[in-house]
């Protein structure tokens, strides 16, 4: 199911099996505290999509790290390309995916900083005259029921916003060799509360995250375990399996795109 592992002939056969659906896991390279690797989003997103695609077959595009991470440009190891580049590059990747036979592209983000970027990217398509459908979803969108399940199974309420219990547990399940809890600096994950009045008023600013977490680390990871990671992983995989199946069953989007393009032209 991994794009890069197919031969050319097998690739063509599998395109038909997955009903024209290609999943593009996207994240960034960024700090997740000092106890997790820069590629945390990459490892988590890719493994979740791989596990989900075993039950809901789909082509998986090679992990894509050109996402929105301007707020962490001050932290070593971050790759923070310009917003113009990430928009243009992702569009070209989608065009190439379509050229290879896919009509539905599901962009699954493992990085919270893409939360505004990807819907805006998808909003461009009515004006682009493309004949394929693009869908976006945040892998870690958990339902109230999901959170209750995790709480009952782990005893933990606070998932942490970045590098905390949730992500650390997942990494302990997936790549324990890359997790170093002894390196956690408890002073770094505290919310500094700067720009609190702005946030409380519902006002958005690009410096909001930096104001609260200049060390790019948010959430206590000390209760993370590989067992908790397995619990979380299974819940999220089931969610993403459902998302892929929903896209595969969608028989309306492509009709709407053709209708819209005909009328707009």
Protein backbone atom coordinates (compact mmCIF):
# COMPACT_ATOMS: atom_id res chain seq x y z
CA UNK A 1 0.00 0.00 0.00
CA UNK A 2 3.04 2.27 0.25
CA UNK A 3 3.51 4.11 -3.06
CA UNK A 4 7.30 3.74 -2.99
CA UNK A 5 7.23 -0.04 -2.50
CA UNK A 6 5.27 -0.96 -5.65
CA UNK A 7 6.66 -1.87 -9.05
CA UNK A 8 5.12 0.05 -11.95
CA UNK A 9 2.84 -2.86 -12.99
CA UNK A 10 1.72 -3.67 -9.45
CA UNK A 11 1.09 0.03 -8.85
CA UNK A 12 -1.40 0.10 -11.73
CA UNK A 13 -3.24 -2.98 -10.46
CA UNK A 14 -3.53 -1.63 -6.94
CA UNK A 15 -4.90 1.71 -8.17
CA UNK A 16 -8.02 -0.14 -9.29
CA UNK A 17 -8.29 -2.11 -6.02
CA UNK A 18 -8.32 1.02 -3.87
CA UNK A 19 -11.04 2.66 -6.02
CA UNK A 20 -8.93 5.64 -7.00
CA UNK A 21 -8.20 6.76 -3.42
CA UNK A 22 -4.74 7.98 -2.41
CA UNK A 23 -3.99 9.04 1.16
CA UNK A 24 -1.33 11.68 1.72
CA UNK A 25 -0.09 11.79 5.35
CA UNK A 26 1.28 15.26 6.06
CA UNK A 27 3.06 16.83 9.00
CA UNK A 28 6.25 18.79 9.62
CA UNK A 29 9.69 18.42 11.14
CA UNK A 30 9.63 20.18 14.50
CA UNK A 31 10.55 19.98 18.17
CA UNK A 32 8.34 17.87 20.44
CA UNK A 33 10.07 18.66 23.70
CA UNK A 34 13.57 17.24 24.17
CA UNK A 35 12.28 13.71 24.75
CA UNK A 36 10.77 13.04 21.31
CA UNK A 37 12.26 13.12 17.79
CA UNK A 38 11.71 15.91 15.26
CA UNK A 39 9.87 13.41 13.05
CA UNK A 40 7.23 12.51 15.66
CA UNK A 41 4.39 13.61 13.37
CA UNK A 42 5.88 11.54 10.57
CA UNK A 43 6.11 8.32 12.57
CA UNK A 44 2.66 8.62 14.13
CA UNK A 45 0.74 9.70 11.02
CA UNK A 46 2.35 7.14 8.74
CA UNK A 47 1.82 4.19 11.08
CA UNK A 48 -1.80 5.13 11.77
CA UNK A 49 -2.54 5.42 8.04
CA UNK A 50 -0.73 2.14 7.27
CA UNK A 51 -2.74 0.28 9.91
CA UNK A 52 -6.04 1.81 8.75
CA UNK A 53 -5.32 1.09 5.09
CA UNK A 54 -4.90 -2.62 5.83
CA UNK A 55 -8.65 -2.75 6.47
CA UNK A 56 -9.65 0.03 4.07
CA UNK A 57 -7.25 -0.41 1.11
CA UNK A 58 -5.85 2.83 -0.28
CA UNK A 59 -2.61 3.97 -1.82
CA UNK A 60 -0.37 5.74 0.71
CA UNK A 61 1.75 8.58 -0.63
CA UNK A 62 5.29 8.90 0.80
CA UNK A 63 5.21 10.91 4.03
CA UNK A 64 5.07 14.61 3.23
CA UNK A 65 6.65 17.15 5.60
CA UNK A 66 6.14 20.48 3.79
CA UNK A 67 3.49 21.77 6.18
CA UNK A 68 2.80 24.98 8.09
CA UNK A 69 5.23 25.51 10.98
CA UNK A 70 6.25 29.18 10.87
CA UNK A 71 5.65 29.47 14.63
CA UNK A 72 8.60 27.16 15.38
CA UNK A 73 11.17 28.64 13.01
CA UNK A 74 13.24 29.75 16.03
CA UNK A 75 13.74 26.13 17.18
CA UNK A 76 16.64 24.07 15.81
CA UNK A 77 15.72 21.19 13.53
CA UNK A 78 12.55 22.83 12.24
CA UNK A 79 11.98 22.93 8.49
CA UNK A 80 9.72 25.96 7.91
CA UNK A 81 9.24 26.63 4.17
CA UNK A 82 7.32 29.70 3.03
CA UNK A 83 3.53 29.59 2.89
CA UNK A 84 3.63 30.19 -0.85
CA UNK A 85 5.90 27.18 -1.35
CA UNK A 86 3.82 24.81 0.75
CA UNK A 87 0.66 25.79 -1.16
CA UNK A 88 2.29 25.46 -4.58
CA UNK A 89 4.17 22.25 -3.76
CA UNK A 90 1.12 20.49 -2.34
CA UNK A 91 -0.94 21.43 -5.40
CA UNK A 92 1.72 19.97 -7.70
CA UNK A 93 1.84 16.80 -5.62
CA UNK A 94 -1.94 16.46 -5.91
CA UNK A 95 -1.72 17.01 -9.67
CA UNK A 96 0.92 14.28 -9.90
CA UNK A 97 -1.12 11.89 -7.79
CA UNK A 98 -4.08 12.47 -10.11
CA UNK A 99 -1.89 11.99 -13.20
CA UNK A 100 -1.06 8.55 -11.86
CA UNK A 101 -4.69 7.48 -11.85
CA UNK A 102 -6.23 8.72 -8.60
CA UNK A 103 -9.44 10.73 -8.51
CA UNK A 104 -9.77 11.11 -4.72
CA UNK A 105 -6.94 12.49 -2.61
CA UNK A 106 -7.35 12.36 1.17
CA UNK A 107 -4.84 14.59 2.96
CA UNK A 108 -4.51 13.36 6.55
CA UNK A 109 -2.59 15.70 8.83
CA UNK A 110 -0.70 14.54 11.88
CA UNK A 111 0.28 18.12 12.76
CA UNK A 112 -2.00 20.60 14.51
CA UNK A 113 -0.33 23.56 12.84
CA UNK A 114 -1.87 22.50 9.52
CA UNK A 115 -5.37 22.99 10.93
CA UNK A 116 -5.97 26.26 9.05
CA UNK A 117 -3.62 25.63 6.13
CA UNK A 118 -5.23 22.47 4.74
CA UNK A 119 -8.87 23.63 4.67
CA UNK A 120 -7.69 26.84 2.98
CA UNK A 121 -5.76 24.72 0.48
CA UNK A 122 -8.91 22.70 -0.25
CA UNK A 123 -10.90 25.93 -0.66
CA UNK A 124 -8.79 26.82 -3.70
CA UNK A 125 -10.12 23.96 -5.81
CA UNK A 126 -13.41 25.44 -7.03
CA UNK A 127 -11.26 28.04 -8.80
CA UNK A 128 -8.67 25.63 -10.22
CA UNK A 129 -10.73 23.64 -12.76
CA UNK A 130 -9.33 20.30 -11.53
CA UNK A 131 -11.29 17.09 -12.12
CA UNK A 132 -10.27 15.27 -8.94
CA UNK A 133 -11.53 15.60 -5.36
CA UNK A 134 -9.41 16.69 -2.39
CA UNK A 135 -10.44 15.98 1.19
CA UNK A 136 -8.63 17.03 4.38
CA UNK A 137 -8.85 15.67 7.92
CA UNK A 138 -6.85 16.00 11.15
CA UNK A 139 -5.82 12.53 12.30
CA UNK A 140 -6.06 13.45 15.98
CA UNK A 141 -9.60 14.84 15.94
CA UNK A 142 -10.98 12.81 18.84
CA UNK A 143 -14.66 12.55 19.69
CA UNK A 144 -15.98 12.98 23.22
CA UNK A 145 -16.50 9.21 23.25
CA UNK A 146 -12.87 8.65 22.19
CA UNK A 147 -11.63 10.86 25.02
CA UNK A 148 -13.85 9.07 27.52
CA UNK A 149 -12.52 5.68 26.35
CA UNK A 150 -8.93 6.87 26.72
CA UNK A 151 -9.63 8.34 30.17
CA UNK A 152 -11.31 5.16 31.43
CA UNK A 153 -8.49 2.97 30.11
CA UNK A 154 -5.55 5.13 31.20
CA UNK A 155 -6.84 7.27 34.06
CA UNK A 156 -5.47 10.37 32.33
CA UNK A 157 -7.57 13.43 31.42
CA UNK A 158 -5.01 15.85 29.99
CA UNK A 159 -3.81 14.65 26.57
CA UNK A 160 -1.34 17.55 26.23
CA UNK A 161 -1.26 19.88 23.24
CA UNK A 162 2.21 19.09 21.89
CA UNK A 163 4.69 16.49 23.06
CA UNK A 164 2.52 15.63 26.06
CA UNK A 165 0.87 12.43 27.27
CA UNK A 166 -0.92 11.64 24.00
CA UNK A 167 1.94 11.97 21.51
CA UNK A 168 4.52 10.56 23.89
CA UNK A 169 2.42 7.46 24.57
CA UNK A 170 1.95 6.89 20.83
CA UNK A 171 5.69 7.17 20.23
CA UNK A 172 6.44 4.79 23.13
CA UNK A 173 4.17 2.28 21.39
CA UNK A 174 5.56 2.87 17.88
CA UNK A 175 9.22 3.81 18.40
CA UNK A 176 10.24 3.39 22.06
CA UNK A 177 13.89 3.59 21.00
CA UNK A 178 13.38 7.28 20.15
CA UNK A 179 11.67 8.32 23.41
CA UNK A 180 13.77 9.70 26.28
CA UNK A 181 11.57 10.75 29.19
CA UNK A 182 14.63 11.50 31.30
CA UNK A 183 15.21 14.56 29.09
CA UNK A 184 11.85 16.19 29.85
CA UNK A 185 12.17 19.76 31.12
CA UNK A 186 9.03 20.42 33.17
CA UNK A 187 9.56 24.18 33.01
CA UNK A 188 9.23 24.17 29.23
CA UNK A 189 5.73 22.73 28.87
CA UNK A 190 3.97 25.28 31.08
CA UNK A 191 1.59 27.79 29.46
CA UNK A 192 3.10 31.26 29.99
CA UNK A 193 -0.31 32.87 29.55
CA UNK A 194 0.93 35.72 27.39
CA UNK A 195 -1.76 37.22 25.07
CA UNK A 196 -4.38 35.64 27.33
CA UNK A 197 -6.79 38.57 26.89
CA UNK A 198 -6.51 38.28 23.11
CA UNK A 199 -7.20 34.53 23.15
CA UNK A 200 -10.05 34.80 25.65
CA UNK A 201 -11.71 37.33 23.33
CA UNK A 202 -11.62 34.81 20.47
CA UNK A 203 -9.06 36.83 18.53
CA UNK A 204 -6.54 34.90 16.43
CA UNK A 205 -2.93 35.93 15.98
CA UNK A 206 -0.07 34.04 14.40
CA UNK A 207 1.97 34.60 17.55
CA UNK A 208 -0.61 33.01 19.84
CA UNK A 209 1.15 29.65 20.11
CA UNK A 210 4.58 31.22 20.64
CA UNK A 211 3.14 33.51 23.31
CA UNK A 212 2.04 30.50 25.35
CA UNK A 213 4.73 27.96 24.50
CA UNK A 214 7.96 29.58 23.27
CA UNK A 215 9.81 26.30 23.92
CA UNK A 216 7.44 24.51 21.51
CA UNK A 217 6.38 21.93 24.07
CA UNK A 218 2.95 21.74 25.73
CA UNK A 219 1.67 19.06 28.07
CA UNK A 220 2.96 16.77 30.81
CA UNK A 221 4.24 13.48 29.31
CA UNK A 222 5.31 11.81 32.54
CA UNK A 223 2.35 9.38 32.67
CA UNK A 224 2.91 8.18 29.13
CA UNK A 225 3.48 4.44 28.62
CA UNK A 226 3.65 2.12 25.62
CA UNK A 227 0.51 0.37 26.89
CA UNK A 228 -1.37 3.67 26.88
CA UNK A 229 0.03 4.32 23.43
CA UNK A 230 -1.43 1.05 22.13
CA UNK A 231 -4.85 1.99 23.52
CA UNK A 232 -4.74 5.40 21.81
CA UNK A 233 -3.34 3.96 18.58
CA UNK A 234 -6.15 1.43 18.18
CA UNK A 235 -8.82 4.08 18.75
CA UNK A 236 -7.32 6.50 16.21
CA UNK A 237 -6.74 3.76 13.61
CA UNK A 238 -10.41 2.80 13.81
CA UNK A 239 -11.36 6.46 13.28
CA UNK A 240 -9.12 6.79 10.23
CA UNK A 241 -10.37 3.51 8.77
CA UNK A 242 -13.83 5.06 8.90
CA UNK A 243 -12.61 8.26 7.25
CA UNK A 244 -10.99 6.35 4.37
CA UNK A 245 -14.10 4.24 3.84
CA UNK A 246 -16.29 7.34 3.80
CA UNK A 247 -14.15 8.88 1.06
CA UNK A 248 -14.15 5.62 -0.92
CA UNK A 249 -17.95 5.48 -0.79
CA UNK A 250 -18.40 9.13 -1.77
CA UNK A 251 -20.21 9.10 -5.09
CA UNK A 252 -21.21 12.76 -5.08
CA UNK A 253 -18.04 14.88 -4.98
CA UNK A 254 -16.76 14.00 -8.46
CA UNK A 255 -20.20 14.67 -9.95
CA UNK A 256 -20.35 18.04 -8.19
CA UNK A 257 -16.87 18.96 -9.40
CA UNK A 258 -17.80 18.26 -13.02
CA UNK A 259 -21.09 20.14 -12.64
CA UNK A 260 -19.36 23.11 -11.04
CA UNK A 261 -16.51 23.24 -13.57
CA UNK A 262 -18.96 23.12 -16.49
CA UNK A 263 -20.98 26.00 -15.04
CA UNK A 264 -17.95 28.06 -14.02
CA UNK A 265 -16.38 27.72 -17.45
